[in-house]
Amino acid sequence: MTDSAHAGGADSLVDLDQDHPGFRDAAYRARRNTIARAALEYGGGPVPEVPYTEEEHAVWAEVWRALEPLHQDWAPRGFLVLHHRLGLDRERIPQLEVVNQRLMEVCGFKMLPVAGLIEARTFLSYLADGVFLSTQYIRHHSVPLYTPEPDVVHELIGHAASFTHPMIVELNRAFGRAARVADDSGIQRLERVYWWTMEFGALREDGTVKAFGAGLLSSFGELGSFAERAELRPFDLPTMAVTDYDPTDYQPVVYVAESWEEMYYELAEWLAGFVGDPSP
């Protein structure tokens, strides 16, 4: 949720770190700049289509083939139903405007394009109005199961389907309301808690740990091994609020709620405290 990366040329809109898979690929960097420019020029109304290439569609399809078996094992029961409800294409990258039509019907949320990572206050504040600021580029084809930054795979496979869940919708709106009144210290706490819940949260379902965070559900590397690799800690909002995170590596800690209800009511009450309303 912060400003993006570091190397690409004087007229580059999107700079990439030297260890980014696409750093030495001039065509990929140019493609990223084209998609970023379209997002920067977006002035409202229907989201313009991105003319994805066959190579980009192939990356999307490969990610889906890898993730679907993991979703069967590690996603909560309702997640699979929600994905079916949203109807994301498995072979072709969906356009945001098509996804928005379905989201608006179901929950009143929509996804609008941004060029890259943005400041936490901006990202979170938009959620109050049911707007999720989404990237549209896709990861580099050389490593289709890895990305060092949020891409359209993360946004759609991880986040979009979750917006058809009433609890997740209300919590995202509550994050937005809190961000609009929070001071800088409060924004830091909100950003961390968003990370440890909406991005990398987990809960127990019938005694088994399941992932509900978008960062887990959209990551082949994270989802297949987080329960063994990460330290699973009890759901603890005060601790989450002061615990920093590293978005460039596997998460060493995952906070696990005992149920959907515990996660929702405790988080809703915590967020309501920012706007002076202690009730969920």
Protein backbone atom coordinates (compact mmCIF):
# COMPACT_ATOMS: atom_id res chain seq x y z
CA MET A 1 0.00 0.00 0.00
CA THR A 2 2.95 2.32 -0.47
CA ASP A 3 4.59 3.96 -3.46
CA SER A 4 6.21 1.63 -6.01
CA ALA A 5 9.68 0.55 -7.00
CA HIS A 6 13.05 1.66 -8.42
CA ALA A 7 14.60 1.48 -11.93
CA GLY A 8 13.36 2.04 -15.43
CA GLY A 9 14.40 5.26 -17.16
CA ALA A 10 13.64 8.96 -17.20
CA ASP A 11 10.17 8.62 -18.72
CA SER A 12 9.22 5.44 -16.85
CA LEU A 13 5.97 5.47 -14.91
CA VAL A 14 6.75 2.19 -13.18
CA ASP A 15 10.23 1.50 -11.85
CA LEU A 16 11.32 -2.01 -10.88
CA ASP A 17 13.88 -3.17 -8.34
CA GLN A 18 16.90 -5.03 -9.69
CA ASP A 19 15.66 -8.32 -8.24
CA HIS A 20 12.25 -7.99 -9.92
CA PRO A 21 11.73 -10.82 -12.46
CA GLY A 22 10.94 -8.27 -15.18
CA PHE A 23 13.79 -5.85 -14.46
CA ARG A 24 15.86 -6.80 -17.52
CA ASP A 25 12.88 -7.33 -19.82
CA ALA A 26 12.43 -4.08 -21.75
CA ALA A 27 9.19 -5.29 -23.33
CA TYR A 28 7.70 -6.11 -19.93
CA ARG A 29 8.70 -2.72 -18.52
CA ALA A 30 7.13 -0.98 -21.51
CA ARG A 31 3.97 -3.04 -21.06
CA ARG A 32 3.78 -2.07 -17.40
CA ASN A 33 4.16 1.59 -18.34
CA THR A 34 1.35 1.33 -20.90
CA ILE A 35 -1.05 -0.20 -18.37
CA ALA A 36 -0.01 2.32 -15.70
CA ARG A 37 -0.58 5.23 -18.09
CA ALA A 38 -4.09 4.03 -18.86
CA ALA A 39 -4.85 3.90 -15.13
CA LEU A 40 -3.46 7.40 -14.56
CA GLU A 41 -5.59 8.73 -17.41
CA TYR A 42 -8.77 7.09 -16.12
CA GLY A 43 -11.26 9.83 -15.31
CA GLY A 44 -14.31 7.91 -14.15
CA GLY A 45 -17.11 5.95 -15.76
CA PRO A 46 -16.70 2.41 -17.11
CA VAL A 47 -13.20 1.03 -16.61
CA PRO A 48 -11.44 0.85 -20.01
CA GLU A 49 -10.39 -2.60 -21.20
CA VAL A 50 -6.76 -3.67 -21.02
CA PRO A 51 -5.89 -5.55 -24.24
CA TYR A 52 -4.10 -8.44 -22.53
CA THR A 53 -1.75 -10.51 -24.67
CA GLU A 54 -1.94 -14.27 -25.14
CA GLU A 55 1.19 -14.59 -23.02
CA GLU A 56 -0.50 -12.69 -20.20
CA HIS A 57 -3.63 -14.83 -20.46
CA ALA A 58 -1.41 -17.92 -20.30
CA VAL A 59 0.13 -16.72 -17.03
CA TRP A 60 -3.35 -16.20 -15.56
CA ALA A 61 -4.45 -19.70 -16.61
CA GLU A 62 -1.31 -21.31 -15.18
CA VAL A 63 -1.80 -19.60 -11.83
CA TRP A 64 -5.40 -20.84 -11.68
CA ARG A 65 -4.33 -24.42 -12.43
CA ALA A 66 -1.85 -24.27 -9.55
CA LEU A 67 -4.13 -22.55 -7.04
CA GLU A 68 -7.41 -24.43 -7.45
CA PRO A 69 -6.22 -27.66 -5.80
CA LEU A 70 -4.79 -25.63 -2.91
CA HIS A 71 -8.10 -23.80 -2.49
CA GLN A 72 -9.78 -27.17 -2.03
CA ASP A 73 -7.48 -27.86 0.92
CA TRP A 74 -6.88 -24.47 2.50
CA ALA A 75 -9.76 -22.11 1.66
CA PRO A 76 -12.84 -21.88 3.91
CA ARG A 77 -15.88 -23.71 2.57
CA GLY A 78 -17.65 -20.52 1.57
CA PHE A 79 -14.72 -19.21 -0.45
CA LEU A 80 -15.23 -21.76 -3.20
CA VAL A 81 -18.93 -20.91 -3.34
CA LEU A 82 -18.12 -17.20 -3.54
CA HIS A 83 -15.69 -17.73 -6.42
CA HIS A 84 -18.34 -19.67 -8.29
CA ARG A 85 -20.79 -16.85 -7.55
CA LEU A 86 -18.43 -14.26 -9.01
CA GLY A 87 -17.72 -16.44 -12.04
CA LEU A 88 -14.12 -15.48 -12.80
CA ASP A 89 -12.85 -16.92 -16.07
CA ARG A 90 -10.08 -19.49 -15.51
CA GLU A 91 -8.43 -19.08 -18.92
CA ARG A 92 -8.67 -15.35 -19.73
CA ILE A 93 -7.91 -12.40 -17.46
CA PRO A 94 -11.24 -10.77 -16.62
CA GLN A 95 -11.68 -7.07 -17.29
CA LEU A 96 -12.39 -4.94 -14.23
CA GLU A 97 -15.56 -3.54 -15.76
CA VAL A 98 -16.97 -7.05 -16.21
CA VAL A 99 -16.06 -7.95 -12.62
CA ASN A 100 -17.61 -4.69 -11.41
CA GLN A 101 -20.94 -5.45 -13.01
CA ARG A 102 -21.19 -8.63 -10.97
CA LEU A 103 -19.83 -7.09 -7.76
CA MET A 104 -22.26 -4.18 -7.92
CA GLU A 105 -25.16 -6.59 -8.29
CA VAL A 106 -24.07 -8.67 -5.32
CA CYS A 107 -22.62 -6.22 -2.80
CA GLY A 108 -22.33 -2.68 -4.17
CA PHE A 109 -18.53 -2.82 -4.37
CA LYS A 110 -16.42 -1.95 -7.41
CA MET A 111 -12.77 -2.04 -8.40
CA LEU A 112 -11.14 1.00 -10.01
CA PRO A 113 -7.72 1.06 -11.69
CA VAL A 114 -4.51 2.44 -10.21
CA ALA A 115 -1.04 2.52 -11.75
CA GLY A 116 0.66 0.70 -8.88
CA LEU A 117 1.00 0.64 -5.13
CA ILE A 118 -0.42 3.67 -3.31
CA GLU A 119 -0.33 5.23 0.13
CA ALA A 120 -2.21 3.36 2.85
CA ARG A 121 -4.47 6.30 3.76
CA THR A 122 -5.66 6.66 0.16
CA PHE A 123 -6.18 2.94 -0.39
CA LEU A 124 -8.05 2.40 2.88
CA SER A 125 -10.17 5.55 2.67
CA TYR A 126 -11.66 4.55 -0.69
CA LEU A 127 -13.00 1.37 0.90
CA ALA A 128 -15.55 3.42 2.87
CA ASP A 129 -17.38 4.11 -0.40
CA GLY A 130 -17.16 0.53 -1.60
CA VAL A 131 -14.21 1.19 -3.92
CA PHE A 132 -11.20 -1.10 -4.09
CA LEU A 133 -8.23 0.44 -5.91
CA SER A 134 -6.86 -2.30 -8.13
CA THR A 135 -3.81 -2.85 -10.27
CA GLN A 136 -4.34 -4.34 -13.75
CA TYR A 137 -0.88 -5.56 -14.77
CA ILE A 138 0.14 -9.19 -14.39
CA ARG A 139 3.34 -10.71 -13.06
CA HIS A 140 6.30 -11.61 -15.28
CA HIS A 141 5.84 -14.76 -17.36
CA SER A 142 9.20 -16.23 -16.27
CA VAL A 143 7.88 -16.96 -12.76
CA PRO A 144 4.09 -17.25 -13.07
CA LEU A 145 3.66 -18.56 -9.53
CA TYR A 146 5.50 -15.65 -7.89
CA THR A 147 5.10 -11.88 -7.74
CA PRO A 148 6.95 -9.37 -5.54
CA GLU A 149 3.98 -6.97 -5.65
CA PRO A 150 0.18 -7.08 -5.93
CA ASP A 151 -0.95 -7.76 -9.50
CA VAL A 152 -4.27 -8.53 -11.19
CA VAL A 153 -4.01 -12.15 -9.98
CA HIS A 154 -3.84 -10.98 -6.38
CA GLU A 155 -6.59 -8.40 -6.84
CA LEU A 156 -9.11 -10.69 -8.52
CA ILE A 157 -8.39 -14.18 -7.19
CA GLY A 158 -7.58 -12.89 -3.71
CA HIS A 159 -9.81 -9.87 -3.15
CA ALA A 160 -12.65 -9.73 -5.67
CA ALA A 161 -14.39 -12.95 -4.63
CA SER A 162 -14.16 -11.97 -0.96
CA PHE A 163 -16.32 -8.91 -1.68
CA THR A 164 -19.27 -11.23 -2.24
CA HIS A 165 -19.03 -12.18 1.47
CA PRO A 166 -21.13 -9.78 3.62
CA MET A 167 -18.72 -9.87 6.58
CA ILE A 168 -15.70 -9.04 4.43
CA VAL A 169 -17.58 -6.25 2.67
CA GLU A 170 -18.60 -4.60 5.93
CA LEU A 171 -15.12 -4.94 7.43
CA ASN A 172 -13.54 -3.32 4.37
CA ARG A 173 -16.00 -0.43 4.60
CA ALA A 174 -15.22 -0.13 8.31
CA PHE A 175 -11.49 0.07 7.54
CA GLY A 176 -12.32 2.91 5.16
CA ARG A 177 -14.39 4.82 7.71
CA ALA A 178 -11.61 4.46 10.28
CA ALA A 179 -8.94 5.63 7.82
CA ARG A 180 -10.87 8.82 7.08
CA VAL A 181 -10.63 9.99 10.70
CA ALA A 182 -7.35 8.40 11.82
CA ASP A 183 -4.18 10.39 12.47
CA ASP A 184 -0.87 9.19 11.05
CA SER A 185 -0.28 6.82 13.95
CA GLY A 186 -3.77 5.43 13.52
CA ILE A 187 -3.19 4.85 9.81
CA GLN A 188 -0.10 2.81 10.67
CA ARG A 189 -2.13 0.64 13.03
CA LEU A 190 -4.90 0.24 10.46
CA GLU A 191 -2.43 -0.69 7.71
CA ARG A 192 -0.86 -3.39 9.87
CA VAL A 193 -4.18 -4.84 10.97
CA TYR A 194 -5.44 -4.85 7.38
CA TRP A 195 -2.32 -6.79 6.42
CA TRP A 196 -2.67 -9.37 9.20
CA THR A 197 -6.41 -9.88 8.52
CA MET A 198 -7.68 -9.00 5.04
CA GLU A 199 -4.34 -9.90 3.39
CA PHE A 200 -2.87 -12.69 5.52
CA GLY A 201 -5.60 -13.69 7.95
CA ALA A 202 -6.57 -17.25 8.84
CA LEU A 203 -9.23 -18.89 10.98
CA ARG A 204 -10.27 -22.30 12.24
CA GLU A 205 -13.10 -24.15 10.54
CA ASP A 206 -14.12 -27.46 12.13
CA GLY A 207 -10.82 -27.38 13.99
CA THR A 208 -8.71 -26.97 10.84
CA VAL A 209 -6.75 -23.82 9.95
CA LYS A 210 -8.08 -22.16 6.80
CA ALA A 211 -6.84 -19.05 4.97
CA PHE A 212 -9.20 -16.16 4.30
CA GLY A 213 -6.69 -13.38 3.55
CA ALA A 214 -6.25 -12.36 -0.10
CA GLY A 215 -2.47 -12.56 0.10
CA LEU A 216 -2.66 -16.20 1.11
CA LEU A 217 -5.46 -17.24 -1.24
CA SER A 218 -3.74 -15.72 -4.29
CA SER A 219 -0.22 -17.03 -3.59
CA PHE A 220 0.81 -20.54 -4.61
CA GLY A 221 3.94 -20.36 -2.45
CA GLU A 222 2.23 -19.02 0.65
CA LEU A 223 -0.98 -21.04 0.56
CA GLY A 224 0.61 -24.46 0.21
CA SER A 225 2.91 -24.12 3.19
CA PHE A 226 1.83 -21.35 5.56
CA ALA A 227 0.35 -23.73 8.16
CA GLU A 228 3.69 -25.55 8.54
CA ARG A 229 6.13 -22.73 7.80
CA ALA A 230 4.63 -19.77 9.66
CA GLU A 231 4.22 -19.34 13.40
CA LEU A 232 0.46 -19.58 13.98
CA ARG A 233 -0.51 -17.11 16.70
CA PRO A 234 -3.87 -16.46 18.35
CA PHE A 235 -6.00 -13.65 16.89
CA ASP A 236 -4.75 -10.58 18.80
CA LEU A 237 -5.60 -7.14 17.38
CA PRO A 238 -3.48 -5.04 19.78
CA THR A 239 -0.44 -7.12 18.84
CA MET A 240 -1.23 -6.98 15.11
CA ALA A 241 -1.55 -3.21 15.30
CA VAL A 242 2.09 -2.81 16.43
CA THR A 243 3.62 -5.65 14.41
CA ASP A 244 5.38 -4.60 11.20
CA TYR A 245 5.38 -6.80 8.11
CA ASP A 246 7.61 -7.46 5.11
CA PRO A 247 5.61 -7.64 1.84
CA THR A 248 8.58 -9.00 -0.13
CA ASP A 249 8.92 -12.36 1.64
CA TYR A 250 6.86 -15.23 3.00
CA GLN A 251 5.09 -14.20 6.17
CA PRO A 252 6.78 -15.68 9.28
CA VAL A 253 3.62 -15.16 11.38
CA VAL A 254 -0.07 -15.77 10.68
CA TYR A 255 -2.76 -14.79 13.21
CA VAL A 256 -5.54 -17.35 13.46
CA ALA A 257 -9.07 -16.55 14.67
CA GLU A 258 -11.08 -19.35 16.24
CA SER A 259 -14.05 -18.69 13.94
CA TRP A 260 -15.55 -16.29 11.39
CA GLU A 261 -17.58 -14.80 14.24
CA GLU A 262 -14.57 -14.09 16.44
CA MET A 263 -12.72 -12.46 13.55
CA TYR A 264 -15.68 -10.35 12.49
CA TYR A 265 -16.96 -9.10 15.84
CA GLU A 266 -13.57 -8.36 17.38
CA LEU A 267 -12.32 -6.59 14.27
CA ALA A 268 -15.56 -4.66 13.74
CA GLU A 269 -15.46 -3.44 17.35
CA TRP A 270 -11.80 -2.44 17.06
CA LEU A 271 -12.44 -0.47 13.87
CA ALA A 272 -15.55 1.20 15.29
CA GLY A 273 -13.37 2.62 18.05
CA PHE A 274 -11.70 4.92 15.51
CA VAL A 275 -14.98 6.69 14.78
CA GLY A 276 -16.19 6.81 18.37
CA ASP A 277 -18.71 3.98 18.12
CA PRO A 278 -17.70 1.03 20.32
CA SER A 279 -20.36 -1.34 18.95
CA PRO A 280 -19.74 -3.66 15.92
